[in-house]
Structures are given as C-alpha cells and as structure tokens.
Full PDB file with SEQRES, HELIX, SHEET, SSBOND, CRYST1, ORIGX, SCALE, CONECT and MASTER records, all heavy atoms in Angstrom:
SEQRES   1 A   34  SER VAL ALA ALA ILE ARG GLU LEU TRP GLU GLU THR GLY          
SEQRES   2 A   34  GLN ILE LEU GLY GLN PRO GLY ALA TRP PRO GLY HIS PRO          
SEQRES   3 A   34  PRO ALA ASP TRP ALA ASP PHE ALA                              
HELIX    1 AA1 VAL A    2  THR A   12  1                                  11    
HELIX    2 AA2 ALA A   28  TRP A   30  5                                   3    
CRYST1    1.000    1.000    1.000  90.00  90.00  90.00 P 1           1          
ORIGX1      1.000000  0.000000  0.000000        0.00000                         
ORIGX2      0.000000  1.000000  0.000000        0.00000                         
ORIGX3      0.000000  0.000000  1.000000        0.00000                         
SCALE1      1.000000  0.000000  0.000000        0.00000                         
SCALE2      0.000000  1.000000  0.000000        0.00000                         
SCALE3      0.000000  0.000000  1.000000        0.00000                         
ATOM      1  N   SER A   1       3.969  -0.220-234.478  1.00  0.00           N  
ATOM      2  CA  SER A   1       2.650  -0.852-234.462  1.00  0.00           C  
ATOM      3  C   SER A   1       2.395  -1.605-235.760  1.00  0.00           C  
ATOM      4  O   SER A   1       1.811  -2.703-235.752  1.00  0.00           O  
ATOM      5  CB  SER A   1       1.561   0.195-234.211  1.00  0.00           C  
ATOM      6  OG  SER A   1       1.523   1.171-235.236  1.00  0.00           O  
ATOM      7  N   VAL A   2       2.840  -1.048-236.888  1.00  0.00           N  
ATOM      8  CA  VAL A   2       2.689  -1.741-238.166  1.00  0.00           C  
ATOM      9  C   VAL A   2       3.507  -3.031-238.177  1.00  0.00           C  
ATOM     10  O   VAL A   2       3.035  -4.087-238.628  1.00  0.00           O  
ATOM     11  CB  VAL A   2       3.106  -0.819-239.335  1.00  0.00           C  
ATOM     12  CG1 VAL A   2       3.236  -1.613-240.624  1.00  0.00           C  
ATOM     13  CG2 VAL A   2       2.096   0.306-239.499  1.00  0.00           C  
ATOM     14  N   ALA A   3       4.733  -2.967-237.676  1.00  0.00           N  
ATOM     15  CA  ALA A   3       5.577  -4.167-237.617  1.00  0.00           C  
ATOM     16  C   ALA A   3       4.926  -5.254-236.772  1.00  0.00           C  
ATOM     17  O   ALA A   3       4.984  -6.443-237.119  1.00  0.00           O  
ATOM     18  CB  ALA A   3       6.954  -3.809-237.061  1.00  0.00           C  
ATOM     19  N   ALA A   4       4.302  -4.858-235.666  1.00  0.00           N  
ATOM     20  CA  ALA A   4       3.626  -5.834-234.807  1.00  0.00           C  
ATOM     21  C   ALA A   4       2.518  -6.556-235.571  1.00  0.00           C  
ATOM     22  O   ALA A   4       2.398  -7.790-235.511  1.00  0.00           O  
ATOM     23  CB  ALA A   4       3.061  -5.132-233.577  1.00  0.00           C  
ATOM     24  N   ILE A   5       1.714  -5.800-236.306  1.00  0.00           N  
ATOM     25  CA  ILE A   5       0.601  -6.386-237.055  1.00  0.00           C  
ATOM     26  C   ILE A   5       1.116  -7.260-238.193  1.00  0.00           C  
ATOM     27  O   ILE A   5       0.596  -8.349-238.458  1.00  0.00           O  
ATOM     28  CB  ILE A   5      -0.315  -5.273-237.586  1.00  0.00           C  
ATOM     29  CG1 ILE A   5      -0.915  -4.484-236.424  1.00  0.00           C  
ATOM     30  CG2 ILE A   5      -1.430  -5.854-238.464  1.00  0.00           C  
ATOM     31  CD1 ILE A   5      -1.564  -3.177-236.826  1.00  0.00           C  
ATOM     32  N   ARG A   6       2.166  -6.798-238.873  1.00  0.00           N  
ATOM     33  CA  ARG A   6       2.744  -7.565-239.979  1.00  0.00           C  
ATOM     34  C   ARG A   6       3.336  -8.885-239.497  1.00  0.00           C  
ATOM     35  O   ARG A   6       3.109  -9.951-240.087  1.00  0.00           O  
ATOM     36  CB  ARG A   6       3.827  -6.727-240.687  1.00  0.00           C  
ATOM     37  CG  ARG A   6       4.560  -7.477-241.787  1.00  0.00           C  
ATOM     38  CD  ARG A   6       5.594  -6.597-242.481  1.00  0.00           C  
ATOM     39  NE  ARG A   6       6.476  -5.915-241.559  1.00  0.00           N  
ATOM     40  CZ  ARG A   6       7.481  -6.502-240.908  1.00  0.00           C  
ATOM     41  NH1 ARG A   6       7.712  -7.803-241.072  1.00  0.00           N  
ATOM     42  NH2 ARG A   6       8.255  -5.800-240.089  1.00  0.00           N  
ATOM     43  N   GLU A   7       4.086  -8.836-238.406  1.00  0.00           N  
ATOM     44  CA  GLU A   7       4.696 -10.054-237.886  1.00  0.00           C  
ATOM     45  C   GLU A   7       3.636 -11.034-237.382  1.00  0.00           C  
ATOM     46  O   GLU A   7       3.773 -12.247-237.549  1.00  0.00           O  
ATOM     47  CB  GLU A   7       5.682  -9.707-236.771  1.00  0.00           C  
ATOM     48  CG  GLU A   7       6.944  -8.993-237.242  1.00  0.00           C  
ATOM     49  CD  GLU A   7       7.898  -9.912-237.991  1.00  0.00           C  
ATOM     50  OE1 GLU A   7       7.820 -11.147-237.802  1.00  0.00           O  
ATOM     51  OE2 GLU A   7       8.715  -9.406-238.776  1.00  0.00           O  
ATOM     52  N   LEU A   8       2.591 -10.506-236.768  1.00  0.00           N  
ATOM     53  CA  LEU A   8       1.498 -11.373-236.326  1.00  0.00           C  
ATOM     54  C   LEU A   8       0.892 -12.102-237.511  1.00  0.00           C  
ATOM     55  O   LEU A   8       0.645 -13.320-237.452  1.00  0.00           O  
ATOM     56  CB  LEU A   8       0.439 -10.539-235.605  1.00  0.00           C  
ATOM     57  CG  LEU A   8      -0.808 -11.295-235.133  1.00  0.00           C  
ATOM     58  CD1 LEU A   8      -0.454 -12.287-234.039  1.00  0.00           C  
ATOM     59  CD2 LEU A   8      -1.878 -10.314-234.654  1.00  0.00           C  
ATOM     60  N   TRP A   9       0.658 -11.380-238.600  1.00  0.00           N  
ATOM     61  CA  TRP A   9       0.085 -11.980-239.803  1.00  0.00           C  
ATOM     62  C   TRP A   9       1.033 -13.013-240.410  1.00  0.00           C  
ATOM     63  O   TRP A   9       0.642 -14.132-240.716  1.00  0.00           O  
ATOM     64  CB  TRP A   9      -0.242 -10.886-240.817  1.00  0.00           C  
ATOM     65  CG  TRP A   9      -0.412 -11.386-242.219  1.00  0.00           C  
ATOM     66  CD1 TRP A   9       0.437 -11.203-243.273  1.00  0.00           C  
ATOM     67  CD2 TRP A   9      -1.508 -12.162-242.725  1.00  0.00           C  
ATOM     68  NE1 TRP A   9      -0.052 -11.803-244.397  1.00  0.00           N  
ATOM     69  CE2 TRP A   9      -1.253 -12.405-244.093  1.00  0.00           C  
ATOM     70  CE3 TRP A   9      -2.677 -12.665-242.173  1.00  0.00           C  
ATOM     71  CZ2 TRP A   9      -2.113 -13.138-244.907  1.00  0.00           C  
ATOM     72  CZ3 TRP A   9      -3.545 -13.393-242.980  1.00  0.00           C  
ATOM     73  CH2 TRP A   9      -3.266 -13.624-244.326  1.00  0.00           C  
ATOM     74  N   GLU A  10       2.304 -12.636-240.566  1.00  0.00           N  
ATOM     75  CA  GLU A  10       3.249 -13.524-241.225  1.00  0.00           C  
ATOM     76  C   GLU A  10       3.473 -14.811-240.435  1.00  0.00           C  
ATOM     77  O   GLU A  10       3.565 -15.896-241.022  1.00  0.00           O  
ATOM     78  CB  GLU A  10       4.591 -12.803-241.428  1.00  0.00           C  
ATOM     79  CG  GLU A  10       4.525 -11.664-242.439  1.00  0.00           C  
ATOM     80  CD  GLU A  10       5.828 -10.890-242.538  1.00  0.00           C  
ATOM     81  OE1 GLU A  10       6.745 -11.157-241.733  1.00  0.00           O  
ATOM     82  OE2 GLU A  10       5.906 -10.006-243.412  1.00  0.00           O  
ATOM     83  N   GLU A  11       3.568 -14.701-239.130  1.00  0.00           N  
ATOM     84  CA  GLU A  11       3.950 -15.863-238.328  1.00  0.00           C  
ATOM     85  C   GLU A  11       2.778 -16.704-237.844  1.00  0.00           C  
ATOM     86  O   GLU A  11       2.968 -17.865-237.466  1.00  0.00           O  
ATOM     87  CB  GLU A  11       4.798 -15.409-237.134  1.00  0.00           C  
ATOM     88  CG  GLU A  11       6.127 -14.805-237.558  1.00  0.00           C  
ATOM     89  CD  GLU A  11       7.048 -14.489-236.401  1.00  0.00           C  
ATOM     90  OE1 GLU A  11       6.629 -14.604-235.223  1.00  0.00           O  
ATOM     91  OE2 GLU A  11       8.204 -14.115-236.662  1.00  0.00           O  
ATOM     92  N   THR A  12       1.569 -16.133-237.830  1.00  0.00           N  
ATOM     93  CA  THR A  12       0.423 -16.895-237.329  1.00  0.00           C  
ATOM     94  C   THR A  12      -0.760 -16.919-238.291  1.00  0.00           C  
ATOM     95  O   THR A  12      -1.675 -17.731-238.102  1.00  0.00           O  
ATOM     96  CB  THR A  12      -0.068 -16.322-235.986  1.00  0.00           C  
ATOM     97  OG1 THR A  12      -0.729 -15.069-236.198  1.00  0.00           O  
ATOM     98  CG2 THR A  12       1.074 -16.144-234.999  1.00  0.00           C  
ATOM     99  N   GLY A  13      -0.795 -16.025-239.286  1.00  0.00           N  
ATOM    100  CA  GLY A  13      -1.947 -15.933-240.168  1.00  0.00           C  
ATOM    101  C   GLY A  13      -3.128 -15.209-239.555  1.00  0.00           C  
ATOM    102  O   GLY A  13      -4.221 -15.168-240.135  1.00  0.00           O  
ATOM    103  N   GLN A  14      -2.941 -14.602-238.386  1.00  0.00           N  
ATOM    104  CA  GLN A  14      -4.016 -13.880-237.712  1.00  0.00           C  
ATOM    105  C   GLN A  14      -4.065 -12.429-238.197  1.00  0.00           C  
ATOM    106  O   GLN A  14      -3.018 -11.805-238.429  1.00  0.00           O  
ATOM    107  CB  GLN A  14      -3.839 -13.926-236.201  1.00  0.00           C  
ATOM    108  CG  GLN A  14      -3.948 -15.334-235.611  1.00  0.00           C  
ATOM    109  CD  GLN A  14      -5.326 -15.942-235.851  1.00  0.00           C  
ATOM    110  OE1 GLN A  14      -6.343 -15.266-235.715  1.00  0.00           O  
ATOM    111  NE2 GLN A  14      -5.347 -17.221-236.203  1.00  0.00           N  
ATOM    112  N   ILE A  15      -5.278 -11.912-238.332  1.00  0.00           N  
ATOM    113  CA  ILE A  15      -5.500 -10.583-238.908  1.00  0.00           C  
ATOM    114  C   ILE A  15      -5.953  -9.605-237.835  1.00  0.00           C  
ATOM    115  O   ILE A  15      -7.008  -9.777-237.215  1.00  0.00           O  
ATOM    116  CB  ILE A  15      -6.562 -10.640-240.022  1.00  0.00           C  
ATOM    117  CG1 ILE A  15      -6.113 -11.580-241.142  1.00  0.00           C  
ATOM    118  CG2 ILE A  15      -6.846  -9.248-240.577  1.00  0.00           C  
ATOM    119  CD1 ILE A  15      -7.210 -11.888-242.141  1.00  0.00           C  
ATOM    120  N   LEU A  16      -5.148  -8.577-237.637  1.00  0.00           N  
ATOM    121  CA  LEU A  16      -5.556  -7.454-236.803  1.00  0.00           C  
ATOM    122  C   LEU A  16      -5.819  -6.298-237.766  1.00  0.00           C  
ATOM    123  O   LEU A  16      -4.899  -5.600-238.194  1.00  0.00           O  
ATOM    124  CB  LEU A  16      -4.461  -7.099-235.797  1.00  0.00           C  
ATOM    125  CG  LEU A  16      -4.854  -6.192-234.630  1.00  0.00           C  
ATOM    126  CD1 LEU A  16      -5.980  -6.823-233.812  1.00  0.00           C  
ATOM    127  CD2 LEU A  16      -3.665  -5.926-233.730  1.00  0.00           C  
ATOM    128  N   GLY A  17      -7.087  -6.141-238.149  1.00  0.00           N  
ATOM    129  CA  GLY A  17      -7.406  -5.141-239.155  1.00  0.00           C  
ATOM    130  C   GLY A  17      -8.906  -4.938-239.293  1.00  0.00           C  
ATOM    131  O   GLY A  17      -9.703  -5.663-238.697  1.00  0.00           O  
ATOM    132  N   GLN A  18      -9.258  -3.947-240.086  1.00  0.00           N  
ATOM    133  CA  GLN A  18     -10.647  -3.638-240.382  1.00  0.00           C  
ATOM    134  C   GLN A  18     -10.917  -3.867-241.860  1.00  0.00           C  
ATOM    135  O   GLN A  18     -10.025  -3.654-242.693  1.00  0.00           O  
ATOM    136  CB  GLN A  18     -10.958  -2.173-240.039  1.00  0.00           C  
ATOM    137  CG  GLN A  18     -10.893  -1.832-238.569  1.00  0.00           C  
ATOM    138  CD  GLN A  18     -11.224  -0.369-238.324  1.00  0.00           C  
ATOM    139  OE1 GLN A  18     -11.685   0.337-239.219  1.00  0.00           O  
ATOM    140  NE2 GLN A  18     -10.989   0.092-237.109  1.00  0.00           N  
ATOM    141  N   PRO A  19     -12.128  -4.287-242.226  1.00  0.00           N  
ATOM    142  CA  PRO A  19     -12.454  -4.419-243.650  1.00  0.00           C  
ATOM    143  C   PRO A  19     -12.268  -3.076-244.362  1.00  0.00           C  
ATOM    144  O   PRO A  19     -12.652  -2.024-243.852  1.00  0.00           O  
ATOM    145  CB  PRO A  19     -13.929  -4.833-243.635  1.00  0.00           C  
ATOM    146  CG  PRO A  19     -14.136  -5.464-242.296  1.00  0.00           C  
ATOM    147  CD  PRO A  19     -13.243  -4.702-241.352  1.00  0.00           C  
ATOM    148  N   GLY A  20     -11.628  -3.132-245.524  1.00  0.00           N  
ATOM    149  CA  GLY A  20     -11.405  -1.896-246.261  1.00  0.00           C  
ATOM    150  C   GLY A  20     -10.459  -2.106-247.420  1.00  0.00           C  
ATOM    151  O   GLY A  20      -9.814  -3.152-247.541  1.00  0.00           O  
ATOM    152  N   ALA A  21     -10.388  -1.094-248.287  1.00  0.00           N  
ATOM    153  CA  ALA A  21      -9.517  -1.139-249.459  1.00  0.00           C  
ATOM    154  C   ALA A  21      -8.267  -0.309-249.208  1.00  0.00           C  
ATOM    155  O   ALA A  21      -8.325   0.752-248.579  1.00  0.00           O  
ATOM    156  CB  ALA A  21     -10.260  -0.605-250.676  1.00  0.00           C  
ATOM    157  N   TRP A  22      -7.145  -0.795-249.694  1.00  0.00           N  
ATOM    158  CA  TRP A  22      -5.887  -0.082-249.556  1.00  0.00           C  
ATOM    159  C   TRP A  22      -5.822   1.067-250.560  1.00  0.00           C  
ATOM    160  O   TRP A  22      -6.294   0.943-251.695  1.00  0.00           O  
ATOM    161  CB  TRP A  22      -4.721  -1.027-249.816  1.00  0.00           C  
ATOM    162  CG  TRP A  22      -4.435  -1.953-248.673  1.00  0.00           C  
ATOM    163  CD1 TRP A  22      -5.289  -2.879-248.137  1.00  0.00           C  
ATOM    164  CD2 TRP A  22      -3.225  -2.040-247.930  1.00  0.00           C  
ATOM    165  NE1 TRP A  22      -4.675  -3.545-247.107  1.00  0.00           N  
ATOM    166  CE2 TRP A  22      -3.409  -3.051-246.954  1.00  0.00           C  
ATOM    167  CE3 TRP A  22      -2.003  -1.385-247.985  1.00  0.00           C  
ATOM    168  CZ2 TRP A  22      -2.414  -3.408-246.051  1.00  0.00           C  
ATOM    169  CZ3 TRP A  22      -1.006  -1.731-247.094  1.00  0.00           C  
ATOM    170  CH2 TRP A  22      -1.211  -2.726-246.136  1.00  0.00           C  
ATOM    171  N   PRO A  23      -5.225   2.180-250.176  1.00  0.00           N  
ATOM    172  CA  PRO A  23      -4.978   3.257-251.142  1.00  0.00           C  
ATOM    173  C   PRO A  23      -3.796   2.879-252.033  1.00  0.00           C  
ATOM    174  O   PRO A  23      -2.672   2.729-251.570  1.00  0.00           O  
ATOM    175  CB  PRO A  23      -4.643   4.461-250.253  1.00  0.00           C  
ATOM    176  CG  PRO A  23      -4.105   3.857-248.990  1.00  0.00           C  
ATOM    177  CD  PRO A  23      -4.813   2.547-248.810  1.00  0.00           C  
ATOM    178  N   GLY A  24      -4.030   2.671-253.303  1.00  0.00           N  
ATOM    179  CA  GLY A  24      -2.953   2.257-254.192  1.00  0.00           C  
ATOM    180  C   GLY A  24      -2.634   0.778-254.028  1.00  0.00           C  
ATOM    181  O   GLY A  24      -3.422   0.001-253.487  1.00  0.00           O  
ATOM    182  N   HIS A  25      -1.438   0.389-254.474  1.00  0.00           N  
ATOM    183  CA  HIS A  25      -1.022  -1.004-254.423  1.00  0.00           C  
ATOM    184  C   HIS A  25      -0.225  -1.253-253.143  1.00  0.00           C  
ATOM    185  O   HIS A  25       0.736  -0.523-252.855  1.00  0.00           O  
ATOM    186  CB  HIS A  25      -0.172  -1.361-255.642  1.00  0.00           C  
ATOM    187  CG  HIS A  25      -0.929  -1.273-256.932  1.00  0.00           C  
ATOM    188  ND1 HIS A  25      -1.910  -2.173-257.274  1.00  0.00           N  
ATOM    189  CD2 HIS A  25      -0.847  -0.387-257.952  1.00  0.00           C  
ATOM    190  CE1 HIS A  25      -2.407  -1.861-258.456  1.00  0.00           C  
ATOM    191  NE2 HIS A  25      -1.786  -0.768-258.894  1.00  0.00           N  
ATOM    192  N   PRO A  26      -0.570  -2.277-252.375  1.00  0.00           N  
ATOM    193  CA  PRO A  26       0.195  -2.569-251.161  1.00  0.00           C  
ATOM    194  C   PRO A  26       1.578  -3.101-251.504  1.00  0.00           C  
ATOM    195  O   PRO A  26       1.769  -3.715-252.563  1.00  0.00           O  
ATOM    196  CB  PRO A  26      -0.646  -3.643-250.472  1.00  0.00           C  
ATOM    197  CG  PRO A  26      -1.420  -4.291-251.558  1.00  0.00           C  
ATOM    198  CD  PRO A  26      -1.696  -3.208-252.561  1.00  0.00           C  
ATOM    199  N   PRO A  27       2.573  -2.890-250.639  1.00  0.00           N  
ATOM    200  CA  PRO A  27       3.899  -3.477-250.860  1.00  0.00           C  
ATOM    201  C   PRO A  27       3.802  -4.996-250.937  1.00  0.00           C  
ATOM    202  O   PRO A  27       2.839  -5.603-250.452  1.00  0.00           O  
ATOM    203  CB  PRO A  27       4.692  -3.027-249.631  1.00  0.00           C  
ATOM    204  CG  PRO A  27       3.952  -1.849-249.097  1.00  0.00           C  
ATOM    205  CD  PRO A  27       2.515  -2.078-249.417  1.00  0.00           C  
ATOM    206  N   ALA A  28       4.831  -5.620-251.519  1.00  0.00           N  
ATOM    207  CA  ALA A  28       4.809  -7.065-251.744  1.00  0.00           C  
ATOM    208  C   ALA A  28       4.594  -7.847-250.453  1.00  0.00           C  
ATOM    209  O   ALA A  28       3.859  -8.848-250.435  1.00  0.00           O  
ATOM    210  CB  ALA A  28       6.106  -7.500-252.421  1.00  0.00           C  
ATOM    211  N   ASP A  29       5.217  -7.393-249.355  1.00  0.00           N  
ATOM    212  CA  ASP A  29       5.089  -8.153-248.115  1.00  0.00           C  
ATOM    213  C   ASP A  29       3.741  -7.924-247.418  1.00  0.00           C  
ATOM    214  O   ASP A  29       3.469  -8.542-246.386  1.00  0.00           O  
ATOM    215  CB  ASP A  29       6.243  -7.862-247.153  1.00  0.00           C  
ATOM    216  CG  ASP A  29       6.402  -6.384-246.837  1.00  0.00           C  
ATOM    217  OD1 ASP A  29       5.748  -5.554-247.504  1.00  0.00           O  
ATOM    218  OD2 ASP A  29       7.186  -6.048-245.930  1.00  0.00           O  
ATOM    219  N   TRP A  30       2.897  -7.062-247.981  1.00  0.00           N  
ATOM    220  CA  TRP A  30       1.549  -6.854-247.456  1.00  0.00           C  
ATOM    221  C   TRP A  30       0.473  -7.324-248.429  1.00  0.00           C  
ATOM    222  O   TRP A  30      -0.718  -7.191-248.147  1.00  0.00           O  
ATOM    223  CB  TRP A  30       1.323  -5.376-247.131  1.00  0.00           C  
ATOM    224  CG  TRP A  30       1.954  -4.955-245.844  1.00  0.00           C  
ATOM    225  CD1 TRP A  30       3.209  -4.460-245.666  1.00  0.00           C  
ATOM    226  CD2 TRP A  30       1.368  -5.013-244.539  1.00  0.00           C  
ATOM    227  NE1 TRP A  30       3.438  -4.196-244.344  1.00  0.00           N  
ATOM    228  CE2 TRP A  30       2.321  -4.525-243.622  1.00  0.00           C  
ATOM    229  CE3 TRP A  30       0.121  -5.418-244.057  1.00  0.00           C  
ATOM    230  CZ2 TRP A  30       2.076  -4.438-242.259  1.00  0.00           C  
ATOM    231  CZ3 TRP A  30      -0.137  -5.329-242.696  1.00  0.00           C  
ATOM    232  CH2 TRP A  30       0.844  -4.846-241.815  1.00  0.00           C  
ATOM    233  N   ALA A  31       0.882  -7.856-249.573  1.00  0.00           N  
ATOM    234  CA  ALA A  31      -0.089  -8.211-250.603  1.00  0.00           C  
ATOM    235  C   ALA A  31      -1.069  -9.277-250.118  1.00  0.00           C  
ATOM    236  O   ALA A  31      -2.284  -9.180-250.365  1.00  0.00           O  
ATOM    237  CB  ALA A  31       0.642  -8.691-251.862  1.00  0.00           C  
ATOM    238  N   ASP A  32      -0.583 -10.296-249.435  1.00  0.00           N  
ATOM    239  CA  ASP A  32      -1.468 -11.362-248.954  1.00  0.00           C  
ATOM    240  C   ASP A  32      -2.421 -10.844-247.880  1.00  0.00           C  
ATOM    241  O   ASP A  32      -3.595 -11.228-247.840  1.00  0.00           O  
ATOM    242  CB  ASP A  32      -0.649 -12.533-248.410  1.00  0.00           C  
ATOM    243  CG  ASP A  32       0.067 -13.302-249.505  1.00  0.00           C  
ATOM    244  OD1 ASP A  32      -0.331 -13.159-250.676  1.00  0.00           O  
ATOM    245  OD2 ASP A  32       1.020 -14.036-249.182  1.00  0.00           O  
ATOM    246  N   PHE A  33      -1.926  -9.973-247.007  1.00  0.00           N  
ATOM    247  CA  PHE A  33      -2.792  -9.372-245.984  1.00  0.00           C  
ATOM    248  C   PHE A  33      -3.891  -8.557-246.665  1.00  0.00           C  
ATOM    249  O   PHE A  33      -5.074  -8.692-246.336  1.00  0.00           O  
ATOM    250  CB  PHE A  33      -1.958  -8.489-245.061  1.00  0.00           C  
ATOM    251  CG  PHE A  33      -2.709  -7.921-243.879  1.00  0.00           C  
ATOM    252  CD1 PHE A  33      -2.574  -8.479-242.624  1.00  0.00           C  
ATOM    253  CD2 PHE A  33      -3.547  -6.813-244.025  1.00  0.00           C  
ATOM    254  CE1 PHE A  33      -3.254  -7.954-241.526  1.00  0.00           C  
ATOM    255  CE2 PHE A  33      -4.235  -6.282-242.947  1.00  0.00           C  
ATOM    256  CZ  PHE A  33      -4.093  -6.860-241.693  1.00  0.00           C  
ATOM    257  N   ALA A  34      -3.503  -7.709-247.620  1.00  0.00           N  
ATOM    258  CA  ALA A  34      -4.478  -6.869-248.309  1.00  0.00           C  
ATOM    259  C   ALA A  34      -5.495  -7.704-249.064  1.00  0.00           C  
ATOM    260  O   ALA A  34      -6.668  -7.316-249.186  1.00  0.00           O  
ATOM    261  CB  ALA A  34      -3.761  -5.913-249.259  1.00  0.00           C  
TER     262      ALA A  34                                                      
MASTER        0    0    0    2    0    0    0    6  261    1    0    3          
END                                                                             
C-alpha cells in the first residue's frame, strides 16, 4: 500500500494522504511528499 501511494506521487504528483507531521525525518524519496 505504501508503494502504491509513493508511485502515485512520484509519477503523477497526486497526494493520497492526510494533513499531518511525520515522526522523525522522512526518507529521501519521501521528502517531497512530506
């Protein structure tokens, strides 16, 4: 499910998510999403 959301973001710029803060620092490939 995470891969699905990540690929959607990377390939289309569309966000499947809720407003909120990440716990700690997000990985590099999630930095733009966060």
